[in-house]
C-alpha cells in the first residue's frame, strides 16, 4: 500500500515536472507521454491502455507541431522571410541554451524568446541591409509573438493531458 502511494506520488510529481519543464523550453509533453507509458507498463495497462497512449502521443506531436507552426505563422504575418524564420528557430534554441543557467532556469524561456527575436532581426538585417531595419524588427517581433502563442498552446495541451491522465488514474 505504501509503495503504491509512493509510486503514485512520484508519477504525479513527474507529470507536473513535465509541465514545468515547458517554461524552460524543454520537451515537457514528451516527458508526460513517456512517464505515462512507463506507468501503464508498470501497472499492466489496467488503467491506462494502448488507445489512451496513442491519443496522448498524438497530442504530444500536435503540441510540438503547433508550437512551431504558430512561430512560423507569426513570422509570416509580420513579413519575415524564410531565412528569418529559420534563424528565429536557431536563435530560439541558442537563446534557451545560453539563458538556461540564468534566473534559476527561467532564463531558458527568456533566452528562447529573445534568441528567436534576435535571430530573425539579425538575418533580416544581413539580407536586406541596415536601411530596412524597421522590416527586420517587425520580422523579429512576429517571430517573438508567434513563439509565445505556440508555447501557450503547448502548455494548454500539456495541462489537458495531465488532467485526462489524472482523471483516468484516480478513478
N, C-alpha and C. Protein backbone atom coordinates (compact mmCIF):
# COMPACT_ATOMS: atom_id res chain seq x y z
N UNK A 1 0.82 -1.19 0.00
CA UNK A 1 0.00 0.00 0.00
C UNK A 1 0.87 1.26 0.00
N UNK A 2 1.86 1.32 0.89
CA UNK A 2 2.75 2.48 0.97
C UNK A 2 3.52 2.63 -0.33
N UNK A 3 3.96 1.50 -0.89
CA UNK A 3 4.69 1.52 -2.16
C UNK A 3 3.79 2.07 -3.27
N UNK A 4 2.52 1.68 -3.25
CA UNK A 4 1.57 2.17 -4.25
C UNK A 4 1.37 3.67 -4.13
N UNK A 5 1.22 4.17 -2.91
CA UNK A 5 1.04 5.61 -2.69
C UNK A 5 2.29 6.37 -3.11
N UNK A 6 3.45 5.85 -2.74
CA UNK A 6 4.72 6.48 -3.10
C UNK A 6 4.89 6.48 -4.62
N UNK A 7 4.56 5.37 -5.27
CA UNK A 7 4.65 5.28 -6.72
C UNK A 7 3.75 6.30 -7.41
N UNK A 8 2.53 6.45 -6.91
CA UNK A 8 1.62 7.44 -7.48
C UNK A 8 2.12 8.86 -7.25
N UNK A 9 2.68 9.12 -6.08
CA UNK A 9 3.21 10.45 -5.79
C UNK A 9 4.36 10.78 -6.75
N UNK A 10 5.24 9.84 -6.98
CA UNK A 10 6.36 10.05 -7.92
C UNK A 10 5.82 10.28 -9.33
N UNK A 11 4.84 9.46 -9.73
CA UNK A 11 4.23 9.58 -11.05
C UNK A 11 3.64 10.98 -11.25
N UNK A 12 2.84 11.45 -10.31
CA UNK A 12 2.21 12.76 -10.45
C UNK A 12 3.24 13.89 -10.37
N UNK A 13 4.27 13.70 -9.56
CA UNK A 13 5.34 14.68 -9.48
C UNK A 13 6.04 14.84 -10.83
N UNK A 14 6.30 13.72 -11.49
CA UNK A 14 6.97 13.78 -12.80
C UNK A 14 6.05 14.41 -13.85
N UNK A 15 4.75 14.15 -13.77
CA UNK A 15 3.81 14.81 -14.69
C UNK A 15 3.88 16.32 -14.53
N UNK A 16 3.88 16.79 -13.29
CA UNK A 16 3.96 18.23 -13.02
C UNK A 16 5.33 18.77 -13.46
N UNK A 17 6.36 17.99 -13.26
CA UNK A 17 7.69 18.37 -13.72
C UNK A 17 7.69 18.55 -15.24
N UNK A 18 6.97 17.68 -15.95
CA UNK A 18 6.84 17.81 -17.40
C UNK A 18 6.20 19.13 -17.78
N UNK A 19 5.17 19.52 -17.05
CA UNK A 19 4.50 20.79 -17.31
C UNK A 19 5.44 21.96 -17.02
N UNK A 20 6.11 21.90 -15.90
CA UNK A 20 7.04 22.98 -15.52
C UNK A 20 8.19 23.08 -16.52
N UNK A 21 8.63 21.95 -17.05
CA UNK A 21 9.76 21.97 -17.99
C UNK A 21 9.46 22.75 -19.26
N UNK A 22 8.17 22.91 -19.58
CA UNK A 22 7.81 23.71 -20.75
C UNK A 22 8.23 25.16 -20.59
N UNK A 23 8.28 25.65 -19.34
CA UNK A 23 8.75 27.00 -19.09
C UNK A 23 10.22 27.17 -19.43
N UNK A 24 10.95 26.07 -19.46
CA UNK A 24 12.37 26.09 -19.73
C UNK A 24 12.68 25.67 -21.16
N UNK A 25 11.68 25.72 -22.03
CA UNK A 25 11.82 25.34 -23.44
C UNK A 25 12.28 23.89 -23.59
N UNK A 26 11.89 23.04 -22.66
CA UNK A 26 12.22 21.62 -22.72
C UNK A 26 10.99 20.85 -23.22
N UNK A 27 11.18 19.63 -23.69
CA UNK A 27 10.06 18.85 -24.24
C UNK A 27 9.18 18.22 -23.17
N UNK A 28 8.44 19.02 -22.45
CA UNK A 28 7.62 18.55 -21.34
C UNK A 28 6.51 17.60 -21.76
N UNK A 29 5.90 17.83 -22.93
CA UNK A 29 4.84 16.92 -23.36
C UNK A 29 5.40 15.52 -23.62
N UNK A 30 6.63 15.45 -24.08
CA UNK A 30 7.26 14.14 -24.28
C UNK A 30 7.51 13.47 -22.93
N UNK A 31 7.93 14.23 -21.93
CA UNK A 31 8.14 13.68 -20.59
C UNK A 31 6.82 13.15 -20.02
N UNK A 32 5.74 13.88 -20.24
CA UNK A 32 4.42 13.42 -19.78
C UNK A 32 4.05 12.11 -20.47
N UNK A 33 4.26 12.03 -21.76
CA UNK A 33 3.94 10.82 -22.52
C UNK A 33 4.79 9.63 -22.06
N UNK A 34 6.08 9.82 -21.94
CA UNK A 34 6.98 8.73 -21.55
C UNK A 34 6.66 8.26 -20.13
N UNK A 35 6.41 9.19 -19.23
CA UNK A 35 6.07 8.83 -17.85
C UNK A 35 4.77 8.04 -17.79
N UNK A 36 3.79 8.48 -18.56
CA UNK A 36 2.50 7.77 -18.58
C UNK A 36 2.64 6.40 -19.21
N UNK A 37 3.47 6.28 -20.22
CA UNK A 37 3.74 4.97 -20.84
C UNK A 37 4.39 4.03 -19.83
N UNK A 38 5.36 4.55 -19.08
CA UNK A 38 6.01 3.73 -18.05
C UNK A 38 5.01 3.32 -16.98
N UNK A 39 4.15 4.24 -16.57
CA UNK A 39 3.12 3.94 -15.58
C UNK A 39 2.19 2.83 -16.10
N UNK A 40 1.78 2.97 -17.35
CA UNK A 40 0.89 1.96 -17.94
C UNK A 40 1.56 0.59 -17.96
N UNK A 41 2.83 0.57 -18.31
CA UNK A 41 3.55 -0.70 -18.39
C UNK A 41 3.69 -1.32 -16.99
N UNK A 42 4.06 -0.50 -16.01
CA UNK A 42 4.25 -1.00 -14.64
C UNK A 42 2.94 -1.53 -14.06
N UNK A 43 1.83 -0.89 -14.39
CA UNK A 43 0.53 -1.31 -13.85
C UNK A 43 -0.18 -2.31 -14.75
N UNK A 44 0.52 -2.82 -15.73
CA UNK A 44 -0.06 -3.84 -16.60
C UNK A 44 -1.15 -3.32 -17.52
N UNK A 45 -1.10 -2.04 -17.85
CA UNK A 45 -2.08 -1.39 -18.74
C UNK A 45 -3.51 -1.55 -18.24
N UNK A 46 -3.68 -1.61 -16.91
CA UNK A 46 -5.02 -1.77 -16.34
C UNK A 46 -5.80 -0.47 -16.32
N UNK A 47 -5.13 0.64 -16.04
CA UNK A 47 -5.82 1.93 -16.00
C UNK A 47 -5.58 2.74 -17.28
N UNK A 48 -4.39 2.73 -17.75
CA UNK A 48 -4.03 3.46 -18.96
C UNK A 48 -3.76 2.42 -20.04
N UNK A 49 -4.58 2.46 -21.07
CA UNK A 49 -4.45 1.46 -22.13
C UNK A 49 -3.74 2.01 -23.36
N UNK A 50 -3.61 1.13 -24.33
CA UNK A 50 -2.92 1.49 -25.57
C UNK A 50 -3.61 2.60 -26.34
N UNK A 51 -4.94 2.60 -26.34
CA UNK A 51 -5.67 3.65 -27.03
C UNK A 51 -5.39 5.02 -26.44
N UNK A 52 -5.38 5.08 -25.13
CA UNK A 52 -5.10 6.36 -24.47
C UNK A 52 -3.67 6.80 -24.76
N UNK A 53 -2.73 5.86 -24.71
CA UNK A 53 -1.34 6.20 -25.00
C UNK A 53 -1.19 6.70 -26.44
N UNK A 54 -1.91 6.10 -27.36
CA UNK A 54 -1.86 6.54 -28.75
C UNK A 54 -2.38 7.98 -28.88
N UNK A 55 -3.49 8.27 -28.20
CA UNK A 55 -4.04 9.63 -28.24
C UNK A 55 -3.11 10.63 -27.55
N UNK A 56 -2.48 10.20 -26.47
CA UNK A 56 -1.51 11.08 -25.80
C UNK A 56 -0.31 11.35 -26.71
N UNK A 57 0.13 10.32 -27.43
CA UNK A 57 1.23 10.50 -28.38
C UNK A 57 0.83 11.49 -29.48
N UNK A 58 -0.40 11.38 -29.94
CA UNK A 58 -0.90 12.30 -30.96
C UNK A 58 -0.93 13.73 -30.42
N UNK A 59 -1.42 13.91 -29.20
CA UNK A 59 -1.44 15.23 -28.58
C UNK A 59 -0.03 15.79 -28.40
N UNK A 60 0.90 14.92 -28.07
CA UNK A 60 2.30 15.34 -27.91
C UNK A 60 2.85 15.87 -29.23
N UNK A 61 2.63 15.13 -30.30
CA UNK A 61 3.12 15.56 -31.62
C UNK A 61 2.40 16.84 -32.05
N UNK A 62 1.10 16.90 -31.83
CA UNK A 62 0.34 18.11 -32.19
C UNK A 62 0.89 19.32 -31.42
N UNK A 63 1.17 19.15 -30.14
CA UNK A 63 1.73 20.24 -29.34
C UNK A 63 3.05 20.75 -29.91
N UNK A 64 3.93 19.83 -30.28
CA UNK A 64 5.22 20.24 -30.85
C UNK A 64 5.04 20.95 -32.19
N UNK A 65 4.20 20.37 -33.05
CA UNK A 65 3.99 20.94 -34.38
C UNK A 65 3.33 22.32 -34.28
N UNK A 66 2.31 22.42 -33.44
CA UNK A 66 1.59 23.69 -33.29
C UNK A 66 2.53 24.78 -32.77
N UNK A 67 3.39 24.42 -31.85
CA UNK A 67 4.32 25.41 -31.32
C UNK A 67 5.15 26.03 -32.44
N UNK A 68 5.67 25.20 -33.34
CA UNK A 68 6.49 25.71 -34.43
C UNK A 68 5.64 26.39 -35.51
N UNK A 69 4.45 25.84 -35.79
CA UNK A 69 3.59 26.46 -36.80
C UNK A 69 3.14 27.85 -36.37
N UNK A 70 2.84 28.02 -35.08
CA UNK A 70 2.46 29.36 -34.61
C UNK A 70 3.63 30.32 -34.75
N UNK A 71 4.82 29.84 -34.48
CA UNK A 71 6.01 30.68 -34.67
C UNK A 71 6.15 31.11 -36.13
N UNK A 72 5.96 30.17 -37.03
CA UNK A 72 6.06 30.46 -38.46
C UNK A 72 4.93 31.41 -38.89
N UNK A 73 3.72 31.15 -38.41
CA UNK A 73 2.58 32.00 -38.77
C UNK A 73 2.77 33.43 -38.30
N UNK A 74 3.25 33.59 -37.07
CA UNK A 74 3.53 34.93 -36.56
C UNK A 74 4.60 35.62 -37.38
N UNK A 75 5.62 34.87 -37.74
CA UNK A 75 6.70 35.44 -38.54
C UNK A 75 6.20 35.86 -39.92
N UNK A 76 5.44 35.00 -40.56
CA UNK A 76 4.90 35.31 -41.89
C UNK A 76 3.97 36.51 -41.85
N UNK A 77 3.15 36.56 -40.82
CA UNK A 77 2.18 37.66 -40.69
C UNK A 77 2.88 39.01 -40.59
N UNK A 78 4.07 39.01 -40.02
CA UNK A 78 4.81 40.25 -39.85
C UNK A 78 5.91 40.41 -40.90
N UNK A 79 5.84 39.63 -41.97
CA UNK A 79 6.72 39.84 -43.12
C UNK A 79 8.09 39.19 -43.05
N UNK A 80 8.26 38.19 -42.25
CA UNK A 80 9.56 37.52 -42.15
C UNK A 80 9.82 36.66 -43.38
N UNK A 81 11.06 36.61 -43.77
CA UNK A 81 11.46 35.74 -44.88
C UNK A 81 11.67 34.31 -44.38
N UNK A 82 11.86 33.39 -45.28
CA UNK A 82 12.16 32.01 -44.91
C UNK A 82 13.42 31.92 -44.06
N UNK A 83 14.43 32.71 -44.43
CA UNK A 83 15.66 32.73 -43.64
C UNK A 83 15.41 33.31 -42.25
N UNK A 84 14.55 34.32 -42.18
CA UNK A 84 14.21 34.91 -40.89
C UNK A 84 13.58 33.89 -39.97
N UNK A 85 12.70 33.06 -40.53
CA UNK A 85 12.05 32.01 -39.74
C UNK A 85 13.07 30.98 -39.28
N UNK A 86 13.92 30.53 -40.20
CA UNK A 86 14.94 29.53 -39.86
C UNK A 86 15.87 30.05 -38.76
N UNK A 87 16.33 31.28 -38.91
CA UNK A 87 17.26 31.81 -37.92
C UNK A 87 16.55 32.17 -36.62
N UNK A 88 15.26 32.40 -36.69
CA UNK A 88 14.49 32.59 -35.46
C UNK A 88 14.47 31.28 -34.66
N UNK A 89 14.24 30.17 -35.35
CA UNK A 89 14.24 28.87 -34.67
C UNK A 89 15.62 28.57 -34.09
N UNK A 90 16.66 28.78 -34.90
CA UNK A 90 18.02 28.54 -34.41
C UNK A 90 18.37 29.48 -33.26
N UNK A 91 17.97 30.75 -33.38
CA UNK A 91 18.21 31.72 -32.31
C UNK A 91 17.47 31.34 -31.04
N UNK A 92 16.26 30.80 -31.19
CA UNK A 92 15.48 30.34 -30.03
C UNK A 92 16.18 29.22 -29.29
N UNK A 93 16.72 28.24 -30.05
CA UNK A 93 17.46 27.15 -29.42
C UNK A 93 18.71 27.67 -28.72
N UNK A 94 19.46 28.51 -29.42
CA UNK A 94 20.69 29.05 -28.84
C UNK A 94 20.38 29.89 -27.60
N UNK A 95 19.34 30.71 -27.69
CA UNK A 95 18.96 31.55 -26.54
C UNK A 95 18.54 30.72 -25.34
N UNK A 96 17.83 29.62 -25.59
CA UNK A 96 17.41 28.75 -24.48
C UNK A 96 18.62 28.13 -23.80
N UNK A 97 19.60 27.72 -24.59
CA UNK A 97 20.81 27.10 -24.03
C UNK A 97 21.61 28.13 -23.24
N UNK A 98 21.81 29.30 -23.82
CA UNK A 98 22.59 30.34 -23.15
C UNK A 98 21.86 30.85 -21.91
N UNK A 99 20.54 30.99 -22.00
CA UNK A 99 19.78 31.55 -20.89
C UNK A 99 19.45 30.58 -19.77
N UNK A 100 19.60 29.28 -20.03
CA UNK A 100 19.19 28.26 -19.05
C UNK A 100 19.79 28.45 -17.66
N UNK A 101 21.07 28.80 -17.53
CA UNK A 101 21.61 28.94 -16.17
C UNK A 101 21.15 30.21 -15.43
N UNK A 102 20.48 31.10 -16.12
CA UNK A 102 20.10 32.38 -15.51
C UNK A 102 18.73 32.31 -14.86
N UNK A 103 18.54 33.07 -13.81
CA UNK A 103 17.25 33.22 -13.13
C UNK A 103 16.66 31.87 -12.72
N UNK A 104 17.49 31.02 -12.15
CA UNK A 104 17.06 29.71 -11.66
C UNK A 104 16.45 28.87 -12.77
N UNK A 105 16.97 29.01 -13.98
CA UNK A 105 16.49 28.22 -15.11
C UNK A 105 15.44 28.91 -15.94
N UNK A 106 14.75 29.90 -15.38
CA UNK A 106 13.73 30.61 -16.16
C UNK A 106 14.35 31.42 -17.28
N UNK A 107 15.64 31.59 -17.24
CA UNK A 107 16.34 32.28 -18.32
C UNK A 107 16.23 31.55 -19.65
N UNK A 108 15.96 30.24 -19.60
CA UNK A 108 15.81 29.48 -20.84
C UNK A 108 14.62 29.98 -21.64
N UNK A 109 13.53 30.29 -20.96
CA UNK A 109 12.35 30.80 -21.66
C UNK A 109 12.64 32.18 -22.23
N UNK A 110 13.17 33.04 -21.39
CA UNK A 110 13.50 34.38 -21.84
C UNK A 110 14.54 34.31 -22.97
N UNK A 111 15.54 33.45 -22.79
CA UNK A 111 16.57 33.29 -23.80
C UNK A 111 16.01 32.78 -25.12
N UNK A 112 15.06 31.85 -25.06
CA UNK A 112 14.45 31.33 -26.28
C UNK A 112 13.68 32.42 -27.01
N UNK A 113 12.95 33.22 -26.26
CA UNK A 113 12.16 34.28 -26.89
C UNK A 113 13.06 35.39 -27.46
N UNK A 114 14.04 35.80 -26.68
CA UNK A 114 14.97 36.83 -27.14
C UNK A 114 15.80 36.29 -28.31
N UNK A 115 16.23 35.05 -28.20
CA UNK A 115 17.00 34.43 -29.29
C UNK A 115 16.21 34.34 -30.58
N UNK A 116 14.92 34.01 -30.47
CA UNK A 116 14.07 33.96 -31.66
C UNK A 116 13.97 35.34 -32.30
N UNK A 117 13.78 36.35 -31.46
CA UNK A 117 13.69 37.73 -31.94
C UNK A 117 14.99 38.15 -32.62
N UNK A 118 16.10 37.96 -31.91
CA UNK A 118 17.40 38.41 -32.44
C UNK A 118 17.82 37.62 -33.68
N UNK A 119 17.54 36.32 -33.68
CA UNK A 119 17.89 35.52 -34.85
C UNK A 119 17.21 36.04 -36.10
N UNK A 120 15.93 36.35 -36.00
CA UNK A 120 15.18 36.89 -37.14
C UNK A 120 15.68 38.28 -37.53
N UNK A 121 15.87 39.14 -36.54
CA UNK A 121 16.30 40.51 -36.82
C UNK A 121 17.67 40.52 -37.49
N UNK A 122 18.60 39.77 -36.95
CA UNK A 122 19.97 39.80 -37.49
C UNK A 122 20.03 39.29 -38.92
N UNK A 123 19.34 38.19 -39.21
CA UNK A 123 19.42 37.66 -40.57
C UNK A 123 18.70 38.58 -41.55
N UNK A 124 17.61 39.20 -41.11
CA UNK A 124 16.90 40.14 -41.99
C UNK A 124 17.77 41.37 -42.25
N UNK A 125 18.49 41.84 -41.24
CA UNK A 125 19.41 42.97 -41.44
C UNK A 125 20.52 42.60 -42.41
N UNK A 126 21.06 41.39 -42.27
CA UNK A 126 22.11 40.94 -43.17
C UNK A 126 21.58 40.74 -44.59
N UNK A 127 20.34 40.32 -44.71
CA UNK A 127 19.76 40.07 -46.02
C UNK A 127 19.37 41.36 -46.73
N UNK A 128 18.68 42.26 -46.02
CA UNK A 128 18.13 43.45 -46.66
C UNK A 128 18.93 44.73 -46.40
N UNK A 129 19.85 44.66 -45.46
CA UNK A 129 20.67 45.82 -45.17
C UNK A 129 20.09 46.66 -44.04
N UNK A 130 20.93 47.50 -43.48
CA UNK A 130 20.55 48.31 -42.32
C UNK A 130 19.45 49.31 -42.65
N UNK A 131 19.30 49.65 -43.92
CA UNK A 131 18.26 50.60 -44.30
C UNK A 131 16.86 50.02 -44.06
N UNK A 132 16.76 48.73 -44.00
CA UNK A 132 15.47 48.04 -43.79
C UNK A 132 15.33 47.58 -42.34
N UNK A 133 15.89 48.34 -41.42
CA UNK A 133 15.87 47.91 -40.01
C UNK A 133 14.46 47.78 -39.46
N UNK A 134 13.53 48.61 -39.92
CA UNK A 134 12.14 48.50 -39.44
C UNK A 134 11.53 47.16 -39.85
N UNK A 135 11.80 46.76 -41.08
CA UNK A 135 11.31 45.47 -41.56
C UNK A 135 11.92 44.33 -40.75
N UNK A 136 13.20 44.46 -40.43
CA UNK A 136 13.89 43.42 -39.65
C UNK A 136 13.30 43.31 -38.24
N UNK A 137 13.06 44.45 -37.61
CA UNK A 137 12.49 44.45 -36.26
C UNK A 137 11.07 43.91 -36.30
N UNK A 138 10.29 44.28 -37.31
CA UNK A 138 8.93 43.77 -37.46
C UNK A 138 8.94 42.24 -37.62
N UNK A 139 9.89 41.75 -38.40
CA UNK A 139 10.04 40.30 -38.58
C UNK A 139 10.36 39.63 -37.25
N UNK A 140 11.29 40.21 -36.51
CA UNK A 140 11.64 39.65 -35.20
C UNK A 140 10.47 39.67 -34.24
N UNK A 141 9.70 40.73 -34.26
CA UNK A 141 8.53 40.85 -33.39
C UNK A 141 7.50 39.77 -33.74
N UNK A 142 7.28 39.53 -35.02
CA UNK A 142 6.35 38.48 -35.44
C UNK A 142 6.81 37.11 -34.97
N UNK A 143 8.10 36.86 -35.08
CA UNK A 143 8.65 35.59 -34.58
C UNK A 143 8.45 35.46 -33.08
N UNK A 144 8.70 36.54 -32.37
CA UNK A 144 8.55 36.57 -30.91
C UNK A 144 7.10 36.26 -30.51
N UNK A 145 6.15 36.97 -31.12
CA UNK A 145 4.73 36.77 -30.80
C UNK A 145 4.26 35.36 -31.17
N UNK A 146 4.72 34.87 -32.31
CA UNK A 146 4.35 33.52 -32.73
C UNK A 146 4.86 32.46 -31.76
N UNK A 147 6.08 32.65 -31.29
CA UNK A 147 6.63 31.70 -30.31
C UNK A 147 5.84 31.72 -29.02
N UNK A 148 5.45 32.90 -28.57
CA UNK A 148 4.65 33.00 -27.34
C UNK A 148 3.32 32.27 -27.52
N UNK A 149 2.66 32.50 -28.65
CA UNK A 149 1.38 31.83 -28.92
C UNK A 149 1.57 30.31 -28.96
N UNK A 150 2.66 29.87 -29.55
CA UNK A 150 2.94 28.43 -29.62
C UNK A 150 3.18 27.82 -28.25
N UNK A 151 3.93 28.51 -27.42
CA UNK A 151 4.21 28.00 -26.07
C UNK A 151 2.92 27.95 -25.24
N UNK A 152 2.09 28.97 -25.35
CA UNK A 152 0.83 28.99 -24.60
C UNK A 152 -0.06 27.83 -25.05
N UNK A 153 -0.13 27.60 -26.34
CA UNK A 153 -0.94 26.50 -26.86
C UNK A 153 -0.40 25.15 -26.40
N UNK A 154 0.90 24.99 -26.44
CA UNK A 154 1.52 23.74 -25.99
C UNK A 154 1.28 23.52 -24.49
N UNK A 155 1.31 24.61 -23.72
CA UNK A 155 1.01 24.50 -22.29
C UNK A 155 -0.43 24.03 -22.08
N UNK A 156 -1.35 24.57 -22.85
CA UNK A 156 -2.75 24.17 -22.73
C UNK A 156 -2.91 22.68 -23.06
N UNK A 157 -2.22 22.22 -24.07
CA UNK A 157 -2.27 20.80 -24.43
C UNK A 157 -1.70 19.96 -23.29
N UNK A 158 -0.57 20.38 -22.73
CA UNK A 158 0.05 19.63 -21.62
C UNK A 158 -0.86 19.59 -20.40
N UNK A 159 -1.51 20.69 -20.10
CA UNK A 159 -2.44 20.71 -18.96
C UNK A 159 -3.60 19.76 -19.23
N UNK A 160 -4.13 19.78 -20.44
CA UNK A 160 -5.20 18.86 -20.80
C UNK A 160 -4.77 17.41 -20.66
N UNK A 161 -3.54 17.11 -21.09
CA UNK A 161 -3.02 15.75 -20.96
C UNK A 161 -2.97 15.33 -19.50
N UNK A 162 -2.45 16.21 -18.65
CA UNK A 162 -2.31 15.88 -17.23
C UNK A 162 -3.67 15.70 -16.57
N UNK A 163 -4.62 16.55 -16.90
CA UNK A 163 -5.96 16.42 -16.33
C UNK A 163 -6.57 15.08 -16.74
N UNK A 164 -6.45 14.75 -18.02
CA UNK A 164 -7.00 13.48 -18.52
C UNK A 164 -6.34 12.28 -17.84
N UNK A 165 -5.02 12.32 -17.77
CA UNK A 165 -4.28 11.21 -17.12
C UNK A 165 -4.68 11.08 -15.66
N UNK A 166 -4.71 12.21 -14.96
CA UNK A 166 -5.06 12.19 -13.54
C UNK A 166 -6.47 11.64 -13.33
N UNK A 167 -7.42 12.11 -14.13
CA UNK A 167 -8.80 11.62 -14.02
C UNK A 167 -8.88 10.12 -14.28
N UNK A 168 -8.10 9.64 -15.22
CA UNK A 168 -8.09 8.22 -15.55
C UNK A 168 -7.47 7.39 -14.43
N UNK A 169 -6.35 7.84 -13.92
CA UNK A 169 -5.62 7.08 -12.90
C UNK A 169 -6.35 7.08 -11.57
N UNK A 170 -6.98 8.18 -11.23
CA UNK A 170 -7.63 8.27 -9.91
C UNK A 170 -9.05 7.70 -9.87
N UNK A 171 -9.57 7.25 -11.00
CA UNK A 171 -10.92 6.67 -10.98
C UNK A 171 -10.88 5.16 -10.91
